[in-house]
PDB file of all heavy atoms in Angstrom:
ATOM      1  N   HIS A   1     102.257 158.102 131.548  1.00  0.00           N
ATOM      2  CA  HIS A   1     103.019 157.534 130.461  1.00  0.00           C
ATOM      3  C   HIS A   1     102.166 156.987 129.215  1.00  0.00           C
ATOM      4  O   HIS A   1     102.617 156.561 128.281  1.00  0.00           O
ATOM      5  CB  HIS A   1     103.854 156.390 130.922  1.00  0.00           C
ATOM      6  CG  HIS A   1     103.101 155.131 131.307  1.00  0.00           C
ATOM      7  ND1 HIS A   1     102.207 155.099 132.442  1.00  0.00           N
ATOM      8  CD2 HIS A   1     103.043 153.785 130.892  1.00  0.00           C
ATOM      9  CE1 HIS A   1     101.720 153.858 132.555  1.00  0.00           C
ATOM     10  NE2 HIS A   1     102.245 153.141 131.574  1.00  0.00           N
ATOM     11  N   THR A   2     100.710 157.072 129.463  1.00  0.00           N
ATOM     12  CA  THR A   2      99.913 156.724 128.404  1.00  0.00           C
ATOM     13  C   THR A   2      99.278 157.932 127.777  1.00  0.00           C
ATOM     14  O   THR A   2      98.351 157.913 126.931  1.00  0.00           O
ATOM     15  CB  THR A   2      98.772 155.773 128.860  1.00  0.00           C
ATOM     16  OG1 THR A   2      98.004 156.435 129.950  1.00  0.00           O
ATOM     17  CG2 THR A   2      99.253 154.493 129.390  1.00  0.00           C
ATOM     18  N   GLY A   3      99.801 159.157 128.070  1.00  0.00           N
ATOM     19  CA  GLY A   3      99.410 160.431 127.363  1.00  0.00           C
ATOM     20  C   GLY A   3      98.270 161.049 128.167  1.00  0.00           C
ATOM     21  O   GLY A   3      97.969 162.231 127.831  1.00  0.00           O
ATOM     22  N   GLY A   4      97.785 160.497 129.265  1.00  0.00           N
ATOM     23  CA  GLY A   4      96.745 161.093 130.043  1.00  0.00           C
ATOM     24  C   GLY A   4      97.263 162.284 130.859  1.00  0.00           C
ATOM     25  O   GLY A   4      98.373 162.292 131.205  1.00  0.00           O
ATOM     26  N   GLU A   5      96.276 163.251 131.096  1.00  0.00           N
ATOM     27  CA  GLU A   5      96.622 164.477 131.899  1.00  0.00           C
ATOM     28  C   GLU A   5      95.714 164.515 133.061  1.00  0.00           C
ATOM     29  O   GLU A   5      94.765 163.911 133.184  1.00  0.00           O
ATOM     30  CB  GLU A   5      96.639 165.543 130.919  1.00  0.00           C
ATOM     31  CG  GLU A   5      97.529 165.517 129.720  1.00  0.00           C
ATOM     32  CD  GLU A   5      97.414 166.674 128.904  1.00  0.00           C
ATOM     33  OE1 GLU A   5      96.511 167.543 129.039  1.00  0.00           O
ATOM     34  OE2 GLU A   5      98.218 166.827 127.905  1.00  0.00           O
ATOM     35  N   ALA A   6      96.237 165.392 134.006  1.00  0.00           N
ATOM     36  CA  ALA A   6      95.457 165.800 135.115  1.00  0.00           C
ATOM     37  C   ALA A   6      95.990 166.988 135.896  1.00  0.00           C
ATOM     38  O   ALA A   6      97.146 167.195 135.660  1.00  0.00           O
ATOM     39  CB  ALA A   6      95.357 164.559 136.115  1.00  0.00           C
ATOM     40  N   ASP A   7      95.265 167.672 136.511  1.00  0.00           N
ATOM     41  CA  ASP A   7      95.681 168.735 137.439  1.00  0.00           C
ATOM     42  C   ASP A   7      95.402 168.280 138.876  1.00  0.00           C
ATOM     43  O   ASP A   7      94.270 167.801 139.223  1.00  0.00           O
ATOM     44  CB  ASP A   7      94.876 170.039 137.253  1.00  0.00           C
ATOM     45  CG  ASP A   7      95.276 170.752 135.913  1.00  0.00           C
ATOM     46  OD1 ASP A   7      96.528 170.489 135.537  1.00  0.00           O
ATOM     47  OD2 ASP A   7      94.592 171.628 135.421  1.00  0.00           O
ATOM     48  N   TYR A   8      96.385 168.498 139.820  1.00  0.00           N
ATOM     49  CA  TYR A   8      96.365 168.194 141.173  1.00  0.00           C
ATOM     50  C   TYR A   8      96.690 169.372 141.972  1.00  0.00           C
ATOM     51  O   TYR A   8      97.675 170.247 141.703  1.00  0.00           O
ATOM     52  CB  TYR A   8      97.125 167.030 141.633  1.00  0.00           C
ATOM     53  CG  TYR A   8      96.912 165.659 140.839  1.00  0.00           C
ATOM     54  CD1 TYR A   8      97.611 165.422 139.784  1.00  0.00           C
ATOM     55  CD2 TYR A   8      95.821 164.879 141.190  1.00  0.00           C
ATOM     56  CE1 TYR A   8      97.448 164.137 139.094  1.00  0.00           C
ATOM     57  CE2 TYR A   8      95.613 163.758 140.678  1.00  0.00           C
ATOM     58  CZ  TYR A   8      96.414 163.448 139.503  1.00  0.00           C
ATOM     59  OH  TYR A   8      96.143 162.233 138.909  1.00  0.00           O
ATOM     60  N   ARG A   9      96.044 169.622 142.994  1.00  0.00           N
ATOM     61  CA  ARG A   9      96.273 170.642 144.060  1.00  0.00           C
ATOM     62  C   ARG A   9      96.443 169.995 145.387  1.00  0.00           C
ATOM     63  O   ARG A   9      95.461 169.369 145.905  1.00  0.00           O
ATOM     64  CB  ARG A   9      95.119 171.819 144.191  1.00  0.00           C
ATOM     65  CG  ARG A   9      94.889 172.446 142.748  1.00  0.00           C
ATOM     66  CD  ARG A   9      96.002 173.254 142.373  1.00  0.00           C
ATOM     67  NE  ARG A   9      95.787 174.005 141.075  1.00  0.00           N
ATOM     68  CZ  ARG A   9      96.114 173.588 139.878  1.00  0.00           C
ATOM     69  NH1 ARG A   9      96.750 172.411 139.830  1.00  0.00           N
ATOM     70  NH2 ARG A   9      95.806 174.283 138.896  1.00  0.00           N
ATOM     71  N   THR A  10      97.517 170.087 146.030  1.00  0.00           N
ATOM     72  CA  THR A  10      97.847 169.439 147.300  1.00  0.00           C
ATOM     73  C   THR A  10      98.162 170.471 148.386  1.00  0.00           C
ATOM     74  O   THR A  10      98.686 171.555 148.164  1.00  0.00           O
ATOM     75  CB  THR A  10      99.077 168.476 147.248  1.00  0.00           C
ATOM     76  OG1 THR A  10     100.124 169.095 146.896  1.00  0.00           O
ATOM     77  CG2 THR A  10      98.810 167.458 146.218  1.00  0.00           C
ATOM     78  N   ALA A  11      97.681 170.228 149.595  1.00  0.00           N
ATOM     79  CA  ALA A  11      97.896 171.010 150.783  1.00  0.00           C
ATOM     80  C   ALA A  11      97.891 170.234 152.036  1.00  0.00           C
ATOM     81  O   ALA A  11      97.334 169.184 152.127  1.00  0.00           O
ATOM     82  CB  ALA A  11      96.680 172.085 150.879  1.00  0.00           C
ATOM     83  N   ALA A  12      98.637 170.659 152.951  1.00  0.00           N
ATOM     84  CA  ALA A  12      98.805 169.879 154.257  1.00  0.00           C
ATOM     85  C   ALA A  12      99.050 170.950 155.429  1.00  0.00           C
ATOM     86  O   ALA A  12      99.796 171.949 155.221  1.00  0.00           O
ATOM     87  CB  ALA A  12      99.836 168.904 154.180  1.00  0.00           C
ATOM     88  N   LEU A  13      98.551 170.717 156.528  1.00  0.00           N
ATOM     89  CA  LEU A  13      98.846 171.515 157.760  1.00  0.00           C
ATOM     90  C   LEU A  13      99.229 170.554 158.846  1.00  0.00           C
ATOM     91  O   LEU A  13      98.494 169.539 159.065  1.00  0.00           O
ATOM     92  CB  LEU A  13      97.640 172.397 158.105  1.00  0.00           C
ATOM     93  CG  LEU A  13      97.091 173.373 157.190  1.00  0.00           C
ATOM     94  CD1 LEU A  13      95.767 174.032 157.585  1.00  0.00           C
ATOM     95  CD2 LEU A  13      98.142 174.488 156.995  1.00  0.00           C
ATOM     96  N   ILE A  14     100.217 170.828 159.746  1.00  0.00           N
ATOM     97  CA  ILE A  14     100.610 169.894 160.652  1.00  0.00           C
ATOM     98  C   ILE A  14     101.031 170.946 161.860  1.00  0.00           C
ATOM     99  O   ILE A  14     101.666 171.972 161.784  1.00  0.00           O
ATOM    100  CB  ILE A  14     101.781 169.181 160.384  1.00  0.00           C
ATOM    101  CG1 ILE A  14     101.578 168.388 158.932  1.00  0.00           C
ATOM    102  CG2 ILE A  14     102.134 168.138 161.404  1.00  0.00           C
ATOM    103  CD1 ILE A  14     102.752 167.686 158.455  1.00  0.00           C
ATOM    104  N   ALA A  15     100.766 170.516 163.145  1.00  0.00           N
ATOM    105  CA  ALA A  15     101.185 171.184 164.329  1.00  0.00           C
ATOM    106  C   ALA A  15     101.746 170.126 165.213  1.00  0.00           C
ATOM    107  O   ALA A  15     101.346 168.995 165.223  1.00  0.00           O
ATOM    108  CB  ALA A  15     100.052 171.972 164.957  1.00  0.00           C
ATOM    109  N   ARG A  16     102.767 170.592 166.083  1.00  0.00           N
ATOM    110  CA  ARG A  16     103.358 169.769 167.027  1.00  0.00           C
ATOM    111  C   ARG A  16     103.390 170.537 168.341  1.00  0.00           C
ATOM    112  O   ARG A  16     104.036 171.574 168.458  1.00  0.00           O
ATOM    113  CB  ARG A  16     104.767 169.231 166.746  1.00  0.00           C
ATOM    114  CG  ARG A  16     105.344 168.380 167.803  1.00  0.00           C
ATOM    115  CD  ARG A  16     106.578 167.766 167.302  1.00  0.00           C
ATOM    116  NE  ARG A  16     107.303 166.932 168.396  1.00  0.00           N
ATOM    117  CZ  ARG A  16     106.972 165.791 168.735  1.00  0.00           C
ATOM    118  NH1 ARG A  16     106.077 165.092 168.051  1.00  0.00           N
ATOM    119  NH2 ARG A  16     107.578 165.105 169.622  1.00  0.00           N
ATOM    120  N   TRP A  17     102.676 170.032 169.399  1.00  0.00           N
ATOM    121  CA  TRP A  17     102.575 170.712 170.713  1.00  0.00           C
ATOM    122  C   TRP A  17     102.987 169.781 171.811  1.00  0.00           C
ATOM    123  O   TRP A  17     102.538 168.597 171.851  1.00  0.00           O
ATOM    124  CB  TRP A  17     101.128 171.102 170.899  1.00  0.00           C
ATOM    125  CG  TRP A  17     100.919 171.905 172.230  1.00  0.00           C
ATOM    126  CD1 TRP A  17     101.647 172.823 172.707  1.00  0.00           C
ATOM    127  CD2 TRP A  17      99.832 171.705 173.001  1.00  0.00           C
ATOM    128  NE1 TRP A  17     101.230 173.268 174.030  1.00  0.00           N
ATOM    129  CE2 TRP A  17     100.038 172.499 174.218  1.00  0.00           C
ATOM    130  CE3 TRP A  17      98.621 170.918 173.050  1.00  0.00           C
ATOM    131  CZ2 TRP A  17      99.124 172.613 175.222  1.00  0.00           C
ATOM    132  CZ3 TRP A  17      97.734 171.053 174.082  1.00  0.00           C
ATOM    133  CH2 TRP A  17      97.958 171.796 175.182  1.00  0.00           C
ATOM    134  N   GLU A  18     103.948 170.385 172.443  1.00  0.00           N
ATOM    135  CA  GLU A  18     104.502 169.585 173.637  1.00  0.00           C
ATOM    136  C   GLU A  18     104.083 170.304 174.963  1.00  0.00           C
ATOM    137  O   GLU A  18     104.860 170.996 175.465  1.00  0.00           O
ATOM    138  CB  GLU A  18     105.996 169.220 173.564  1.00  0.00           C
ATOM    139  CG  GLU A  18     106.335 168.585 172.278  1.00  0.00           C
ATOM    140  CD  GLU A  18     107.931 168.414 172.208  1.00  0.00           C
ATOM    141  OE1 GLU A  18     108.595 168.938 173.094  1.00  0.00           O
ATOM    142  OE2 GLU A  18     108.385 167.706 171.281  1.00  0.00           O
ATOM    143  N   PRO A  19     102.924 170.029 175.510  1.00  0.00           N
ATOM    144  CA  PRO A  19     102.401 170.844 176.679  1.00  0.00           C
ATOM    145  C   PRO A  19     103.279 170.602 177.890  1.00  0.00           C
ATOM    146  O   PRO A  19     103.278 171.276 178.783  1.00  0.00           O
ATOM    147  CB  PRO A  19     100.984 170.386 176.898  1.00  0.00           C
ATOM    148  CG  PRO A  19     100.880 168.983 176.149  1.00  0.00           C
ATOM    149  CD  PRO A  19     101.986 169.042 175.096  1.00  0.00           C
ATOM    150  N   ALA A  20     103.964 169.428 177.952  1.00  0.00           N
ATOM    151  CA  ALA A  20     104.851 169.097 179.079  1.00  0.00           C
ATOM    152  C   ALA A  20     105.933 168.125 178.508  1.00  0.00           C
ATOM    153  O   ALA A  20     105.855 167.509 177.497  1.00  0.00           O
ATOM    154  CB  ALA A  20     104.074 168.382 180.119  1.00  0.00           C
ATOM    155  N   ASP A  21     106.949 167.975 179.330  1.00  0.00           N
ATOM    156  CA  ASP A  21     108.074 166.915 178.947  1.00  0.00           C
ATOM    157  C   ASP A  21     107.491 165.605 178.845  1.00  0.00           C
ATOM    158  O   ASP A  21     106.715 165.051 179.731  1.00  0.00           O
ATOM    159  CB  ASP A  21     109.176 166.993 179.945  1.00  0.00           C
ATOM    160  CG  ASP A  21     109.955 168.366 180.042  1.00  0.00           C
ATOM    161  OD1 ASP A  21     109.855 169.158 179.080  1.00  0.00           O
ATOM    162  OD2 ASP A  21     110.694 168.547 180.993  1.00  0.00           O
ATOM    163  N   GLY A  22     107.769 164.949 177.639  1.00  0.00           N
ATOM    164  CA  GLY A  22     107.324 163.597 177.563  1.00  0.00           C
ATOM    165  C   GLY A  22     105.934 163.526 176.882  1.00  0.00           C
ATOM    166  O   GLY A  22     105.425 162.378 176.663  1.00  0.00           O
ATOM    167  N   ILE A  23     105.210 164.584 176.709  1.00  0.00           N
ATOM    168  CA  ILE A  23     103.897 164.575 176.046  1.00  0.00           C
ATOM    169  C   ILE A  23     103.880 165.335 174.796  1.00  0.00           C
ATOM    170  O   ILE A  23     104.457 166.453 174.668  1.00  0.00           O
ATOM    171  CB  ILE A  23     102.918 165.137 177.011  1.00  0.00           C
ATOM    172  CG1 ILE A  23     102.918 164.379 178.399  1.00  0.00           C
ATOM    173  CG2 ILE A  23     101.494 165.168 176.380  1.00  0.00           C
ATOM    174  CD1 ILE A  23     101.958 164.948 179.401  1.00  0.00           C
ATOM    175  N   ALA A  24     103.334 164.769 173.722  1.00  0.00           N
ATOM    176  CA  ALA A  24     103.379 165.410 172.371  1.00  0.00           C
ATOM    177  C   ALA A  24     101.986 165.195 171.764  1.00  0.00           C
ATOM    178  O   ALA A  24     101.456 164.074 171.796  1.00  0.00           O
ATOM    179  CB  ALA A  24     104.500 164.891 171.451  1.00  0.00           C
ATOM    180  N   ILE A  25     101.513 166.347 171.104  1.00  0.00           N
ATOM    181  CA  ILE A  25     100.175 166.205 170.403  1.00  0.00           C
ATOM    182  C   ILE A  25     100.372 166.716 169.045  1.00  0.00           C
ATOM    183  O   ILE A  25     101.007 167.848 168.832  1.00  0.00           O
ATOM    184  CB  ILE A  25      99.120 166.908 171.095  1.00  0.00           C
ATOM    185  CG1 ILE A  25      98.845 166.356 172.477  1.00  0.00           C
ATOM    186  CG2 ILE A  25      97.717 166.909 170.283  1.00  0.00           C
ATOM    187  CD1 ILE A  25      98.009 167.261 173.418  1.00  0.00           C
ATOM    188  N   THR A  26     100.071 165.891 167.982  1.00  0.00           N
ATOM    189  CA  THR A  26     100.278 166.314 166.565  1.00  0.00           C
ATOM    190  C   THR A  26      99.068 166.181 165.805  1.00  0.00           C
ATOM    191  O   THR A  26      98.696 165.050 165.288  1.00  0.00           O
ATOM    192  CB  THR A  26     101.346 165.388 165.986  1.00  0.00           C
ATOM    193  OG1 THR A  26     102.583 165.397 166.807  1.00  0.00           O
ATOM    194  CG2 THR A  26     101.747 165.833 164.603  1.00  0.00           C
ATOM    195  N   PRO A  27      98.200 167.273 165.720  1.00  0.00           N
ATOM    196  CA  PRO A  27      97.162 167.270 164.666  1.00  0.00           C
ATOM    197  C   PRO A  27      97.588 167.614 163.260  1.00  0.00           C
ATOM    198  O   PRO A  27      98.607 168.167 163.105  1.00  0.00           O
ATOM    199  CB  PRO A  27      96.261 168.357 165.144  1.00  0.00           C
ATOM    200  CG  PRO A  27      97.148 169.341 165.867  1.00  0.00           C
ATOM    201  CD  PRO A  27      98.329 168.502 166.398  1.00  0.00           C
ATOM    202  N   PHE A  28      96.831 167.067 162.264  1.00  0.00           N
ATOM    203  CA  PHE A  28      97.221 167.173 160.898  1.00  0.00           C
ATOM    204  C   PHE A  28      96.050 167.224 159.998  1.00  0.00           C
ATOM    205  O   PHE A  28      95.001 166.492 160.349  1.00  0.00           O
ATOM    206  CB  PHE A  28      98.318 166.204 160.442  1.00  0.00           C
ATOM    207  CG  PHE A  28      97.720 164.805 160.517  1.00  0.00           C
ATOM    208  CD1 PHE A  28      97.196 164.281 159.222  1.00  0.00           C
ATOM    209  CD2 PHE A  28      97.884 164.077 161.581  1.00  0.00           C
ATOM    210  CE1 PHE A  28      96.705 162.979 159.160  1.00  0.00           C
ATOM    211  CE2 PHE A  28      97.388 162.643 161.480  1.00  0.00           C
ATOM    212  CZ  PHE A  28      96.777 162.223 160.351  1.00  0.00           C
ATOM    213  N   TRP A  29      96.232 167.742 158.731  1.00  0.00           N
ATOM    214  CA  TRP A  29      95.063 167.713 157.776  1.00  0.00           C
ATOM    215  C   TRP A  29      95.682 167.801 156.434  1.00  0.00           C
ATOM    216  O   TRP A  29      96.757 168.631 156.333  1.00  0.00           O
ATOM    217  CB  TRP A  29      94.187 168.949 158.021  1.00  0.00           C
ATOM    218  CG  TRP A  29      93.150 169.053 156.924  1.00  0.00           C
ATOM    219  CD1 TRP A  29      91.933 168.518 156.865  1.00  0.00           C
ATOM    220  CD2 TRP A  29      93.276 169.931 155.751  1.00  0.00           C
ATOM    221  NE1 TRP A  29      91.307 168.956 155.677  1.00  0.00           N
ATOM    222  CE2 TRP A  29      92.048 169.802 155.012  1.00  0.00           C
ATOM    223  CE3 TRP A  29      94.354 170.724 155.286  1.00  0.00           C
ATOM    224  CZ2 TRP A  29      91.848 170.541 153.904  1.00  0.00           C
ATOM    225  CZ3 TRP A  29      94.113 171.523 154.112  1.00  0.00           C
ATOM    226  CH2 TRP A  29      92.850 171.286 153.355  1.00  0.00           C
ATOM    227  N   SER A  30      95.238 167.183 155.482  1.00  0.00           N
ATOM    228  CA  SER A  30      95.688 167.196 154.134  1.00  0.00           C
ATOM    229  C   SER A  30      94.631 167.053 153.130  1.00  0.00           C
ATOM    230  O   SER A  30      93.665 166.406 153.382  1.00  0.00           O
ATOM    231  CB  SER A  30      96.895 166.205 153.815  1.00  0.00           C
ATOM    232  OG  SER A  30      96.371 164.922 153.758  1.00  0.00           O
ATOM    233  N   ARG A  31      94.774 167.616 151.884  1.00  0.00           N
ATOM    234  CA  ARG A  31      93.826 167.493 150.862  1.00  0.00           C
ATOM    235  C   ARG A  31      94.555 167.433 149.452  1.00  0.00           C
ATOM    236  O   ARG A  31      95.499 168.096 149.338  1.00  0.00           O
ATOM    237  CB  ARG A  31      92.987 168.764 150.805  1.00  0.00           C
ATOM    238  CG  ARG A  31      91.836 168.713 149.690  1.00  0.00           C
ATOM    239  CD  ARG A  31      90.937 169.848 149.643  1.00  0.00           C
ATOM    240  NE  ARG A  31      90.015 169.757 148.639  1.00  0.00           N
ATOM    241  CZ  ARG A  31      90.101 170.238 147.381  1.00  0.00           C
ATOM    242  NH1 ARG A  31      91.303 170.709 146.990  1.00  0.00           N
ATOM    243  NH2 ARG A  31      89.080 170.057 146.483  1.00  0.00           N
ATOM    244  N   THR A  32      94.078 166.450 148.714  1.00  0.00           N
ATOM    245  CA  THR A  32      94.583 166.454 147.283  1.00  0.00           C
ATOM    246  C   THR A  32      93.261 166.689 146.380  1.00  0.00           C
ATOM    247  O   THR A  32      92.315 165.952 146.435  1.00  0.00           O
ATOM    248  CB  THR A  32      95.184 165.014 147.013  1.00  0.00           C
ATOM    249  OG1 THR A  32      96.319 164.897 147.740  1.00  0.00           O
ATOM    250  CG2 THR A  32      95.567 165.074 145.544  1.00  0.00           C
ATOM    251  N   GLY A  33      93.227 167.857 145.679  1.00  0.00           N
ATOM    252  CA  GLY A  33      92.159 168.136 144.756  1.00  0.00           C
ATOM    253  C   GLY A  33      92.553 167.406 143.393  1.00  0.00           C
ATOM    254  O   GLY A  33      93.659 167.561 142.881  1.00  0.00           O
ATOM    255  N   ILE A  34      91.492 166.673 142.855  1.00  0.00           N
ATOM    256  CA  ILE A  34      91.787 166.026 141.493  1.00  0.00           C
ATOM    257  C   ILE A  34      90.942 166.603 140.415  1.00  0.00           C
ATOM    258  O   ILE A  34      89.685 166.672 140.686  1.00  0.00           O
ATOM    259  CB  ILE A  34      91.392 164.527 141.685  1.00  0.00           C
ATOM    260  CG1 ILE A  34      92.114 163.884 142.796  1.00  0.00           C
ATOM    261  CG2 ILE A  34      91.506 163.707 140.412  1.00  0.00           C
ATOM    262  CD1 ILE A  34      91.578 162.515 143.184  1.00  0.00           C
ATOM    263  N   SER A  35      91.447 167.011 139.349  1.00  0.00           N
ATOM    264  CA  SER A  35      90.757 167.705 138.263  1.00  0.00           C
ATOM    265  C   SER A  35      91.120 167.182 136.927  1.00  0.00           C
ATOM    266  O   SER A  35      92.264 167.079 136.622  1.00  0.00           O
ATOM    267  CB  SER A  35      91.005 169.300 138.322  1.00  0.00           C
ATOM    268  OG  SER A  35      90.298 169.908 137.374  1.00  0.00           O
ATOM    269  N   ASP A  36      90.178 166.728 136.075  1.00  0.00           N
ATOM    270  CA  ASP A  36      90.299 166.330 134.707  1.00  0.00           C
ATOM    271  C   ASP A  36      91.387 165.189 134.685  1.00  0.00           C
ATOM    272  O   ASP A  36      92.192 165.228 133.821  1.00  0.00           O
ATOM    273  CB  ASP A  36      90.673 167.413 133.795  1.00  0.00           C
ATOM    274  CG  ASP A  36      89.688 168.540 133.664  1.00  0.00           C
ATOM    275  OD1 ASP A  36      88.461 167.981 133.767  1.00  0.00           O
ATOM    276  OD2 ASP A  36      89.869 169.635 133.277  1.00  0.00           O
ATOM    277  N   GLU A  37      91.298 164.242 135.618  1.00  0.00           N
ATOM    278  CA  GLU A  37      92.230 163.111 135.609  1.00  0.00           C
ATOM    279  C   GLU A  37      91.985 162.120 134.531  1.00  0.00           C
ATOM    280  O   GLU A  37      90.730 161.640 134.524  1.00  0.00           O
ATOM    281  CB  GLU A  37      92.241 162.467 136.984  1.00  0.00           C
ATOM    282  CG  GLU A  37      93.276 161.339 137.119  1.00  0.00           C
ATOM    283  CD  GLU A  37      93.171 160.608 138.445  1.00  0.00           C
ATOM    284  OE1 GLU A  37      92.092 160.109 138.659  1.00  0.00           O
ATOM    285  OE2 GLU A  37      94.125 160.727 139.198  1.00  0.00           O
ATOM    286  N   GLU A  38      92.957 161.849 133.583  1.00  0.00           N
ATOM    287  CA  GLU A  38      92.685 160.921 132.556  1.00  0.00           C
ATOM    288  C   GLU A  38      93.538 159.595 133.037  1.00  0.00           C
ATOM    289  O   GLU A  38      94.791 159.627 132.868  1.00  0.00           O
ATOM    290  CB  GLU A  38      93.172 161.443 131.263  1.00  0.00           C
ATOM    291  CG  GLU A  38      92.362 162.612 130.758  1.00  0.00           C
ATOM    292  CD  GLU A  38      92.882 163.172 129.400  1.00  0.00           C
ATOM    293  OE1 GLU A  38      93.960 162.974 129.157  1.00  0.00           O
ATOM    294  OE2 GLU A  38      92.038 163.835 128.750  1.00  0.00           O
ATOM    295  N   ASN A  39      92.829 158.615 133.408  1.00  0.00           N
ATOM    296  CA  ASN A  39      93.564 157.381 133.879  1.00  0.00           C
ATOM    297  C   ASN A  39      94.031 156.627 132.655  1.00  0.00           C
ATOM    298  O   ASN A  39      93.460 156.718 131.563  1.00  0.00           O
ATOM    299  CB  ASN A  39      92.690 156.520 134.667  1.00  0.00           C
ATOM    300  CG  ASN A  39      92.786 156.961 136.203  1.00  0.00           C
ATOM    301  OD1 ASN A  39      93.712 157.695 136.700  1.00  0.00           O
ATOM    302  ND2 ASN A  39      91.728 156.595 137.013  1.00  0.00           N
ATOM    303  N   PRO A  40      95.048 155.834 132.904  1.00  0.00           N
ATOM    304  CA  PRO A  40      95.526 155.025 131.676  1.00  0.00           C
ATOM    305  C   PRO A  40      94.363 153.987 131.306  1.00  0.00           C
ATOM    306  O   PRO A  40      93.658 153.451 132.008  1.00  0.00           O
ATOM    307  CB  PRO A  40      96.628 154.086 132.194  1.00  0.00           C
ATOM    308  CG  PRO A  40      97.177 155.005 133.386  1.00  0.00           C
ATOM    309  CD  PRO A  40      95.944 155.589 133.924  1.00  0.00           C
ATOM    310  N   PRO A  41      94.227 153.807 129.981  1.00  0.00           N
ATOM    311  CA  PRO A  41      93.300 152.773 129.428  1.00  0.00           C
ATOM    312  C   PRO A  41      93.633 151.330 129.773  1.00  0.00           C
ATOM    313  O   PRO A  41      94.942 151.033 129.904  1.00  0.00           O
ATOM    314  CB  PRO A  41      93.308 152.963 127.886  1.00  0.00           C
ATOM    315  CG  PRO A  41      94.656 153.553 127.648  1.00  0.00           C
ATOM    316  CD  PRO A  41      95.086 154.280 128.896  1.00  0.00           C
ATOM    317  N   LEU A  42      92.753 150.466 130.005  1.00  0.00           N
ATOM    318  CA  LEU A  42      93.035 149.069 130.341  1.00  0.00           C
ATOM    319  C   LEU A  42      92.604 148.274 129.098  1.00  0.00           C
ATOM    320  O   LEU A  42      91.539 148.398 128.506  1.00  0.00           O
ATOM    321  CB  LEU A  42      92.108 148.649 131.523  1.00  0.00           C
ATOM    322  CG  LEU A  42      92.159 149.529 132.742  1.00  0.00           C
ATOM    323  CD1 LEU A  42      91.259 149.106 133.769  1.00  0.00           C
ATOM    324  CD2 LEU A  42      93.582 149.777 133.292  1.00  0.00           C
TER     325      LEU A  42
END
């Protein structure tokens, strides 16, 4: 809202594995790439 601009690239990977009843394993990974980010002036 102050006219600043930026490019973002977001990605996420998630898995859900239930090797047996009552057991759950959930690994995950995510990334946000920040490029030419112009923050609001203070």
